[in-house]
Amino acid sequence: ADSLAVVAFDLPGHGLSDGQRLDIDSFGQYTKALR
C-alpha cells in the first residue's frame, strides 16, 4: 500500500523449502540462502 515491492522466502528447513527440518549444517547456510 506504500508502493514498496516485497520479497519473502522460506529459509532452509522451514515452510515449503527443502532442507533438514528446523536444522542446518552451519548458520552460514541461512546467509547463503539470502544471497
PDB file of all heavy atoms in Angstrom:
ATOM      1  N   ALA A   1       0.828  -1.210   0.000  1.00  0.00           N
ATOM      2  CA  ALA A   1       0.000   0.000   0.000  1.00  0.00           C
ATOM      3  C   ALA A   1       0.861   1.259   0.000  1.00  0.00           C
ATOM      4  O   ALA A   1       0.408   2.316  -0.450  1.00  0.00           O
ATOM      5  CB  ALA A   1      -0.932  -0.007   1.208  1.00  0.00           C
ATOM      6  N   ASP A   2       2.103   1.140   0.479  1.00  0.00           N
ATOM      7  CA  ASP A   2       3.039   2.262   0.485  1.00  0.00           C
ATOM      8  C   ASP A   2       3.965   2.240  -0.732  1.00  0.00           C
ATOM      9  O   ASP A   2       5.028   2.873  -0.725  1.00  0.00           O
ATOM     10  CB  ASP A   2       3.868   2.245   1.763  1.00  0.00           C
ATOM     11  CG  ASP A   2       3.082   2.738   2.963  1.00  0.00           C
ATOM     12  OD1 ASP A   2       2.351   3.741   2.814  1.00  0.00           O
ATOM     13  OD2 ASP A   2       3.191   2.137   4.044  1.00  0.00           O
ATOM     14  N   SER A   3       3.572   1.501  -1.770  1.00  0.00           N
ATOM     15  CA  SER A   3       4.301   1.453  -3.052  1.00  0.00           C
ATOM     16  C   SER A   3       5.712   0.891  -2.912  1.00  0.00           C
ATOM     17  O   SER A   3       6.651   1.345  -3.575  1.00  0.00           O
ATOM     18  CB  SER A   3       4.357   2.854  -3.683  1.00  0.00           C
ATOM     19  OG  SER A   3       3.063   3.315  -3.975  1.00  0.00           O
ATOM     20  N   LEU A   4       5.850  -0.109  -2.065  1.00  0.00           N
ATOM     21  CA  LEU A   4       7.120  -0.821  -1.952  1.00  0.00           C
ATOM     22  C   LEU A   4       6.934  -2.239  -2.459  1.00  0.00           C
ATOM     23  O   LEU A   4       5.926  -2.891  -2.175  1.00  0.00           O
ATOM     24  CB  LEU A   4       7.603  -0.847  -0.497  1.00  0.00           C
ATOM     25  CG  LEU A   4       8.124   0.482   0.057  1.00  0.00           C
ATOM     26  CD1 LEU A   4       8.287   0.395   1.565  1.00  0.00           C
ATOM     27  CD2 LEU A   4       9.450   0.857  -0.605  1.00  0.00           C
ATOM     28  N   ALA A   5       7.910  -2.734  -3.228  1.00  0.00           N
ATOM     29  CA  ALA A   5       7.926  -4.140  -3.614  1.00  0.00           C
ATOM     30  C   ALA A   5       8.383  -4.959  -2.409  1.00  0.00           C
ATOM     31  O   ALA A   5       9.048  -4.452  -1.507  1.00  0.00           O
ATOM     32  CB  ALA A   5       8.864  -4.350  -4.797  1.00  0.00           C
ATOM     33  N   VAL A   6       8.003  -6.240  -2.393  1.00  0.00           N
ATOM     34  CA  VAL A   6       8.319  -7.103  -1.253  1.00  0.00           C
ATOM     35  C   VAL A   6       8.802  -8.455  -1.757  1.00  0.00           C
ATOM     36  O   VAL A   6       8.248  -9.013  -2.709  1.00  0.00           O
ATOM     37  CB  VAL A   6       7.089  -7.303  -0.340  1.00  0.00           C
ATOM     38  CG1 VAL A   6       7.443  -8.209   0.842  1.00  0.00           C
ATOM     39  CG2 VAL A   6       6.550  -5.966   0.162  1.00  0.00           C
ATOM     40  N   VAL A   7       9.827  -8.986  -1.101  1.00  0.00           N
ATOM     41  CA  VAL A   7      10.310 -10.340  -1.352  1.00  0.00           C
ATOM     42  C   VAL A   7      10.307 -11.090  -0.023  1.00  0.00           C
ATOM     43  O   VAL A   7      10.840 -10.596   0.975  1.00  0.00           O
ATOM     44  CB  VAL A   7      11.734 -10.344  -1.935  1.00  0.00           C
ATOM     45  CG1 VAL A   7      12.258 -11.774  -2.058  1.00  0.00           C
ATOM     46  CG2 VAL A   7      11.759  -9.652  -3.288  1.00  0.00           C
ATOM     47  N   ALA A   8       9.669 -12.248   0.010  1.00  0.00           N
ATOM     48  CA  ALA A   8       9.661 -13.099   1.200  1.00  0.00           C
ATOM     49  C   ALA A   8       9.994 -14.526   0.773  1.00  0.00           C
ATOM     50  O   ALA A   8       9.619 -14.955  -0.327  1.00  0.00           O
ATOM     51  CB  ALA A   8       8.299 -13.057   1.885  1.00  0.00           C
ATOM     52  N   PHE A   9      10.693 -15.258   1.633  1.00  0.00           N
ATOM     53  CA  PHE A   9      11.075 -16.627   1.282  1.00  0.00           C
ATOM     54  C   PHE A   9      11.155 -17.475   2.540  1.00  0.00           C
ATOM     55  O   PHE A   9      11.250 -16.953   3.657  1.00  0.00           O
ATOM     56  CB  PHE A   9      12.409 -16.643   0.532  1.00  0.00           C
ATOM     57  CG  PHE A   9      13.608 -16.271   1.373  1.00  0.00           C
ATOM     58  CD1 PHE A   9      14.474 -17.246   1.843  1.00  0.00           C
ATOM     59  CD2 PHE A   9      13.874 -14.944   1.679  1.00  0.00           C
ATOM     60  CE1 PHE A   9      15.576 -16.913   2.615  1.00  0.00           C
ATOM     61  CE2 PHE A   9      14.978 -14.589   2.439  1.00  0.00           C
ATOM     62  CZ  PHE A   9      15.829 -15.569   2.915  1.00  0.00           C
ATOM     63  N   ASP A  10      11.110 -18.795   2.346  1.00  0.00           N
ATOM     64  CA  ASP A  10      11.239 -19.743   3.448  1.00  0.00           C
ATOM     65  C   ASP A  10      12.707 -20.163   3.565  1.00  0.00           C
ATOM     66  O   ASP A  10      13.293 -20.658   2.593  1.00  0.00           O
ATOM     67  CB  ASP A  10      10.379 -20.979   3.204  1.00  0.00           C
ATOM     68  CG  ASP A  10       8.886 -20.668   3.178  1.00  0.00           C
ATOM     69  OD1 ASP A  10       8.508 -19.541   3.542  1.00  0.00           O
ATOM     70  OD2 ASP A  10       8.111 -21.559   2.780  1.00  0.00           O
ATOM     71  N   LEU A  11      13.285 -19.971   4.731  1.00  0.00           N
ATOM     72  CA  LEU A  11      14.664 -20.380   4.958  1.00  0.00           C
ATOM     73  C   LEU A  11      14.807 -21.896   4.851  1.00  0.00           C
ATOM     74  O   LEU A  11      13.819 -22.636   4.963  1.00  0.00           O
ATOM     75  CB  LEU A  11      15.114 -19.916   6.345  1.00  0.00           C
ATOM     76  CG  LEU A  11      15.395 -18.420   6.501  1.00  0.00           C
ATOM     77  CD1 LEU A  11      15.438 -18.043   7.976  1.00  0.00           C
ATOM     78  CD2 LEU A  11      16.684 -18.023   5.797  1.00  0.00           C
ATOM     79  N   PRO A  12      16.018 -22.405   4.607  1.00  0.00           N
ATOM     80  CA  PRO A  12      16.208 -23.864   4.547  1.00  0.00           C
ATOM     81  C   PRO A  12      15.644 -24.553   5.791  1.00  0.00           C
ATOM     82  O   PRO A  12      15.807 -24.068   6.914  1.00  0.00           O
ATOM     83  CB  PRO A  12      17.733 -24.006   4.499  1.00  0.00           C
ATOM     84  CG  PRO A  12      18.212 -22.741   3.867  1.00  0.00           C
ATOM     85  CD  PRO A  12      17.275 -21.674   4.371  1.00  0.00           C
ATOM     86  N   GLY A  13      14.939 -25.657   5.564  1.00  0.00           N
ATOM     87  CA  GLY A  13      14.366 -26.410   6.670  1.00  0.00           C
ATOM     88  C   GLY A  13      13.111 -25.809   7.258  1.00  0.00           C
ATOM     89  O   GLY A  13      12.614 -26.282   8.290  1.00  0.00           O
ATOM     90  N   HIS A  14      12.558 -24.787   6.616  1.00  0.00           N
ATOM     91  CA  HIS A  14      11.369 -24.104   7.113  1.00  0.00           C
ATOM     92  C   HIS A  14      10.315 -24.026   6.008  1.00  0.00           C
ATOM     93  O   HIS A  14      10.641 -23.997   4.820  1.00  0.00           O
ATOM     94  CB  HIS A  14      11.696 -22.687   7.570  1.00  0.00           C
ATOM     95  CG  HIS A  14      12.528 -22.618   8.804  1.00  0.00           C
ATOM     96  ND1 HIS A  14      13.862 -22.949   8.831  1.00  0.00           N
ATOM     97  CD2 HIS A  14      12.203 -22.255  10.081  1.00  0.00           C
ATOM     98  CE1 HIS A  14      14.328 -22.791  10.059  1.00  0.00           C
ATOM     99  NE2 HIS A  14      13.347 -22.377  10.830  1.00  0.00           N
ATOM    100  N   GLY A  15       9.050 -23.933   6.431  1.00  0.00           N
ATOM    101  CA  GLY A  15       7.971 -23.740   5.464  1.00  0.00           C
ATOM    102  C   GLY A  15       7.970 -24.787   4.377  1.00  0.00           C
ATOM    103  O   GLY A  15       8.012 -25.991   4.640  1.00  0.00           O
ATOM    104  N   LEU A  16       7.937 -24.328   3.120  1.00  0.00           N
ATOM    105  CA  LEU A  16       7.920 -25.234   1.974  1.00  0.00           C
ATOM    106  C   LEU A  16       9.308 -25.449   1.375  1.00  0.00           C
ATOM    107  O   LEU A  16       9.431 -26.140   0.362  1.00  0.00           O
ATOM    108  CB  LEU A  16       6.972 -24.695   0.900  1.00  0.00           C
ATOM    109  CG  LEU A  16       5.496 -24.630   1.282  1.00  0.00           C
ATOM    110  CD1 LEU A  16       4.669 -24.125   0.102  1.00  0.00           C
ATOM    111  CD2 LEU A  16       4.978 -25.983   1.743  1.00  0.00           C
ATOM    112  N   SER A  17      10.331 -24.873   1.957  1.00  0.00           N
ATOM    113  CA  SER A  17      11.686 -25.058   1.421  1.00  0.00           C
ATOM    114  C   SER A  17      12.245 -26.414   1.808  1.00  0.00           C
ATOM    115  O   SER A  17      11.864 -27.000   2.825  1.00  0.00           O
ATOM    116  CB  SER A  17      12.619 -23.953   1.934  1.00  0.00           C
ATOM    117  OG  SER A  17      12.297 -22.708   1.353  1.00  0.00           O
ATOM    118  N   ASP A  18      13.172 -26.898   0.979  1.00  0.00           N
ATOM    119  CA  ASP A  18      13.882 -28.133   1.286  1.00  0.00           C
ATOM    120  C   ASP A  18      14.821 -27.934   2.468  1.00  0.00           C
ATOM    121  O   ASP A  18      15.018 -26.822   2.953  1.00  0.00           O
ATOM    122  CB  ASP A  18      14.733 -28.561   0.078  1.00  0.00           C
ATOM    123  CG  ASP A  18      13.908 -29.200  -1.022  1.00  0.00           C
ATOM    124  OD1 ASP A  18      12.755 -29.593  -0.768  1.00  0.00           O
ATOM    125  OD2 ASP A  18      14.426 -29.299  -2.153  1.00  0.00           O
ATOM    126  N   GLY A  19      15.466 -29.027   2.871  1.00  0.00           N
ATOM    127  CA  GLY A  19      16.493 -28.976   3.893  1.00  0.00           C
ATOM    128  C   GLY A  19      16.116 -29.793   5.112  1.00  0.00           C
ATOM    129  O   GLY A  19      14.992 -30.282   5.253  1.00  0.00           O
ATOM    130  N   GLN A  20      17.085 -29.956   6.006  1.00  0.00           N
ATOM    131  CA  GLN A  20      16.835 -30.660   7.255  1.00  0.00           C
ATOM    132  C   GLN A  20      15.821 -29.855   8.070  1.00  0.00           C
ATOM    133  O   GLN A  20      16.023 -28.680   8.321  1.00  0.00           O
ATOM    134  CB  GLN A  20      18.124 -30.793   8.060  1.00  0.00           C
ATOM    135  CG  GLN A  20      19.277 -31.422   7.307  1.00  0.00           C
ATOM    136  CD  GLN A  20      20.564 -31.305   8.101  1.00  0.00           C
ATOM    137  OE1 GLN A  20      20.715 -31.932   9.149  1.00  0.00           O
ATOM    138  NE2 GLN A  20      21.500 -30.500   7.616  1.00  0.00           N
ATOM    139  N   ARG A  21      14.746 -30.500   8.464  1.00  0.00           N
ATOM    140  CA  ARG A  21      13.679 -29.778   9.138  1.00  0.00           C
ATOM    141  C   ARG A  21      14.194 -29.091  10.399  1.00  0.00           C
ATOM    142  O   ARG A  21      14.684 -29.745  11.321  1.00  0.00           O
ATOM    143  CB  ARG A  21      12.533 -30.737   9.471  1.00  0.00           C
ATOM    144  CG  ARG A  21      11.334 -30.072  10.154  1.00  0.00           C
ATOM    145  CD  ARG A  21      10.682 -29.067   9.248  1.00  0.00           C
ATOM    146  NE  ARG A  21       9.525 -28.414   9.887  1.00  0.00           N
ATOM    147  CZ  ARG A  21       8.957 -27.310   9.450  1.00  0.00           C
ATOM    148  NH1 ARG A  21       9.412 -26.716   8.366  1.00  0.00           N
ATOM    149  NH2 ARG A  21       7.924 -26.801  10.073  1.00  0.00           N
ATOM    150  N   LEU A  22      14.124 -27.750  10.406  1.00  0.00           N
ATOM    151  CA  LEU A  22      14.494 -26.910  11.540  1.00  0.00           C
ATOM    152  C   LEU A  22      15.953 -27.081  11.957  1.00  0.00           C
ATOM    153  O   LEU A  22      16.314 -26.802  13.099  1.00  0.00           O
ATOM    154  CB  LEU A  22      13.563 -27.171  12.733  1.00  0.00           C
ATOM    155  CG  LEU A  22      12.080 -26.901  12.482  1.00  0.00           C
ATOM    156  CD1 LEU A  22      11.253 -27.265  13.714  1.00  0.00           C
ATOM    157  CD2 LEU A  22      11.835 -25.445  12.096  1.00  0.00           C
ATOM    158  N   ASP A  23      16.778 -27.530  11.028  1.00  0.00           N
ATOM    159  CA  ASP A  23      18.195 -27.710  11.329  1.00  0.00           C
ATOM    160  C   ASP A  23      19.015 -27.211  10.153  1.00  0.00           C
ATOM    161  O   ASP A  23      18.470 -26.908   9.085  1.00  0.00           O
ATOM    162  CB  ASP A  23      18.499 -29.175  11.621  1.00  0.00           C
ATOM    163  CG  ASP A  23      19.728 -29.364  12.501  1.00  0.00           C
ATOM    164  OD1 ASP A  23      20.417 -28.350  12.791  1.00  0.00           O
ATOM    165  OD2 ASP A  23      20.000 -30.500  12.903  1.00  0.00           O
ATOM    166  N   ILE A  24      20.315 -27.130  10.342  1.00  0.00           N
ATOM    167  CA  ILE A  24      21.191 -26.553   9.331  1.00  0.00           C
ATOM    168  C   ILE A  24      22.586 -27.115   9.519  1.00  0.00           C
ATOM    169  O   ILE A  24      22.975 -27.481  10.630  1.00  0.00           O
ATOM    170  CB  ILE A  24      21.209 -25.006   9.455  1.00  0.00           C
ATOM    171  CG1 ILE A  24      21.575 -24.341   8.131  1.00  0.00           C
ATOM    172  CG2 ILE A  24      22.080 -24.556  10.594  1.00  0.00           C
ATOM    173  CD1 ILE A  24      20.462 -24.366   7.120  1.00  0.00           C
ATOM    174  N   ASP A  25      23.345 -27.243   8.421  1.00  0.00           N
ATOM    175  CA  ASP A  25      24.729 -27.715   8.544  1.00  0.00           C
ATOM    176  C   ASP A  25      25.576 -26.706   9.308  1.00  0.00           C
ATOM    177  O   ASP A  25      26.413 -27.066  10.130  1.00  0.00           O
ATOM    178  CB  ASP A  25      25.334 -27.962   7.161  1.00  0.00           C
ATOM    179  CG  ASP A  25      24.690 -29.139   6.452  1.00  0.00           C
ATOM    180  OD1 ASP A  25      24.107 -30.004   7.143  1.00  0.00           O
ATOM    181  OD2 ASP A  25      24.766 -29.207   5.212  1.00  0.00           O
ATOM    182  N   SER A  26      25.374 -25.439   8.998  1.00  0.00           N
ATOM    183  CA  SER A  26      26.024 -24.344   9.723  1.00  0.00           C
ATOM    184  C   SER A  26      25.152 -23.123   9.561  1.00  0.00           C
ATOM    185  O   SER A  26      24.391 -23.008   8.594  1.00  0.00           O
ATOM    186  CB  SER A  26      27.429 -24.074   9.179  1.00  0.00           C
ATOM    187  OG  SER A  26      27.357 -23.528   7.877  1.00  0.00           O
ATOM    188  N   PHE A  27      25.253 -22.172  10.482  1.00  0.00           N
ATOM    189  CA  PHE A  27      24.404 -20.987  10.422  1.00  0.00           C
ATOM    190  C   PHE A  27      24.611 -20.228   9.117  1.00  0.00           C
ATOM    191  O   PHE A  27      23.673 -19.622   8.576  1.00  0.00           O
ATOM    192  CB  PHE A  27      24.709 -20.074  11.624  1.00  0.00           C
ATOM    193  CG  PHE A  27      23.681 -18.997  11.817  1.00  0.00           C
ATOM    194  CD1 PHE A  27      22.578 -19.215  12.622  1.00  0.00           C
ATOM    195  CD2 PHE A  27      23.812 -17.756  11.202  1.00  0.00           C
ATOM    196  CE1 PHE A  27      21.619 -18.227  12.813  1.00  0.00           C
ATOM    197  CE2 PHE A  27      22.870 -16.758  11.382  1.00  0.00           C
ATOM    198  CZ  PHE A  27      21.761 -16.996  12.184  1.00  0.00           C
ATOM    199  N   GLY A  28      25.823 -20.273   8.599  1.00  0.00           N
ATOM    200  CA  GLY A  28      26.116 -19.562   7.365  1.00  0.00           C
ATOM    201  C   GLY A  28      25.291 -20.014   6.182  1.00  0.00           C
ATOM    202  O   GLY A  28      25.170 -19.287   5.186  1.00  0.00           O
ATOM    203  N   GLN A  29      24.687 -21.197   6.268  1.00  0.00           N
ATOM    204  CA  GLN A  29      23.847 -21.663   5.164  1.00  0.00           C
ATOM    205  C   GLN A  29      22.582 -20.817   5.038  1.00  0.00           C
ATOM    206  O   GLN A  29      22.065 -20.629   3.935  1.00  0.00           O
ATOM    207  CB  GLN A  29      23.491 -23.140   5.367  1.00  0.00           C
ATOM    208  CG  GLN A  29      23.079 -23.845   4.086  1.00  0.00           C
ATOM    209  CD  GLN A  29      23.072 -25.347   4.231  1.00  0.00           C
ATOM    210  OE1 GLN A  29      23.081 -25.894   5.331  1.00  0.00           O
ATOM    211  NE2 GLN A  29      23.057 -26.047   3.108  1.00  0.00           N
ATOM    212  N   TYR A  30      22.096 -20.288   6.139  1.00  0.00           N
ATOM    213  CA  TYR A  30      20.969 -19.363   6.072  1.00  0.00           C
ATOM    214  C   TYR A  30      21.360 -18.104   5.285  1.00  0.00           C
ATOM    215  O   TYR A  30      20.587 -17.589   4.472  1.00  0.00           O
ATOM    216  CB  TYR A  30      20.532 -18.941   7.472  1.00  0.00           C
ATOM    217  CG  TYR A  30      19.890 -20.019   8.309  1.00  0.00           C
ATOM    218  CD1 TYR A  30      20.278 -20.200   9.638  1.00  0.00           C
ATOM    219  CD2 TYR A  30      18.888 -20.839   7.804  1.00  0.00           C
ATOM    220  CE1 TYR A  30      19.686 -21.169  10.431  1.00  0.00           C
ATOM    221  CE2 TYR A  30      18.299 -21.821   8.583  1.00  0.00           C
ATOM    222  CZ  TYR A  30      18.695 -21.979   9.902  1.00  0.00           C
ATOM    223  OH  TYR A  30      18.108 -22.940  10.685  1.00  0.00           O
ATOM    224  N   THR A  31      22.563 -17.627   5.541  1.00  0.00           N
ATOM    225  CA  THR A  31      23.036 -16.426   4.850  1.00  0.00           C
ATOM    226  C   THR A  31      23.241 -16.699   3.370  1.00  0.00           C
ATOM    227  O   THR A  31      22.923 -15.849   2.521  1.00  0.00           O
ATOM    228  CB  THR A  31      24.349 -15.942   5.488  1.00  0.00           C
ATOM    229  OG1 THR A  31      24.184 -15.897   6.909  1.00  0.00           O
ATOM    230  CG2 THR A  31      24.730 -14.564   4.974  1.00  0.00           C
ATOM    231  N   LYS A  32      23.743 -17.878   3.038  1.00  0.00           N
ATOM    232  CA  LYS A  32      23.881 -18.250   1.632  1.00  0.00           C
ATOM    233  C   LYS A  32      22.520 -18.298   0.960  1.00  0.00           C
ATOM    234  O   LYS A  32      22.392 -17.955  -0.225  1.00  0.00           O
ATOM    235  CB  LYS A  32      24.595 -19.600   1.518  1.00  0.00           C
ATOM    236  CG  LYS A  32      26.059 -19.557   1.888  1.00  0.00           C
ATOM    237  CD  LYS A  32      26.687 -20.935   1.894  1.00  0.00           C
ATOM    238  CE  LYS A  32      26.817 -21.513   0.497  1.00  0.00           C
ATOM    239  NZ  LYS A  32      27.534 -22.818   0.504  1.00  0.00           N
ATOM    240  N   ALA A  33      21.501 -18.715   1.701  1.00  0.00           N
ATOM    241  CA  ALA A  33      20.144 -18.734   1.147  1.00  0.00           C
ATOM    242  C   ALA A  33      19.690 -17.320   0.810  1.00  0.00           C
ATOM    243  O   ALA A  33      19.110 -17.078  -0.262  1.00  0.00           O
ATOM    244  CB  ALA A  33      19.184 -19.390   2.134  1.00  0.00           C
ATOM    245  N   LEU A  34      19.954 -16.375   1.695  1.00  0.00           N
ATOM    246  CA  LEU A  34      19.578 -14.983   1.415  1.00  0.00           C
ATOM    247  C   LEU A  34      20.301 -14.476   0.173  1.00  0.00           C
ATOM    248  O   LEU A  34      19.697 -13.801  -0.674  1.00  0.00           O
ATOM    249  CB  LEU A  34      19.904 -14.095   2.619  1.00  0.00           C
ATOM    250  CG  LEU A  34      19.684 -12.584   2.433  1.00  0.00           C
ATOM    251  CD1 LEU A  34      18.248 -12.284   2.024  1.00  0.00           C
ATOM    252  CD2 LEU A  34      20.040 -11.827   3.716  1.00  0.00           C
ATOM    253  N   ARG A  35      21.556 -14.810   0.030  1.00  0.00           N
ATOM    254  CA  ARG A  35      22.300 -14.369  -1.148  1.00  0.00           C
ATOM    255  C   ARG A  35      21.733 -15.004  -2.419  1.00  0.00           C
ATOM    256  O   ARG A  35      21.703 -14.366  -3.483  1.00  0.00           O
ATOM    257  CB  ARG A  35      23.785 -14.699  -0.997  1.00  0.00           C
ATOM    258  CG  ARG A  35      24.448 -13.968   0.154  1.00  0.00           C
ATOM    259  CD  ARG A  35      25.949 -13.962   0.056  1.00  0.00           C
ATOM    260  NE  ARG A  35      26.414 -13.067  -1.012  1.00  0.00           N
ATOM    261  CZ  ARG A  35      27.578 -12.439  -0.985  1.00  0.00           C
ATOM    262  NH1 ARG A  35      28.396 -12.584   0.041  1.00  0.00           N
ATOM    263  NH2 ARG A  35      27.944 -11.659  -1.992  1.00  0.00           N
TER     264      ARG A  35
END
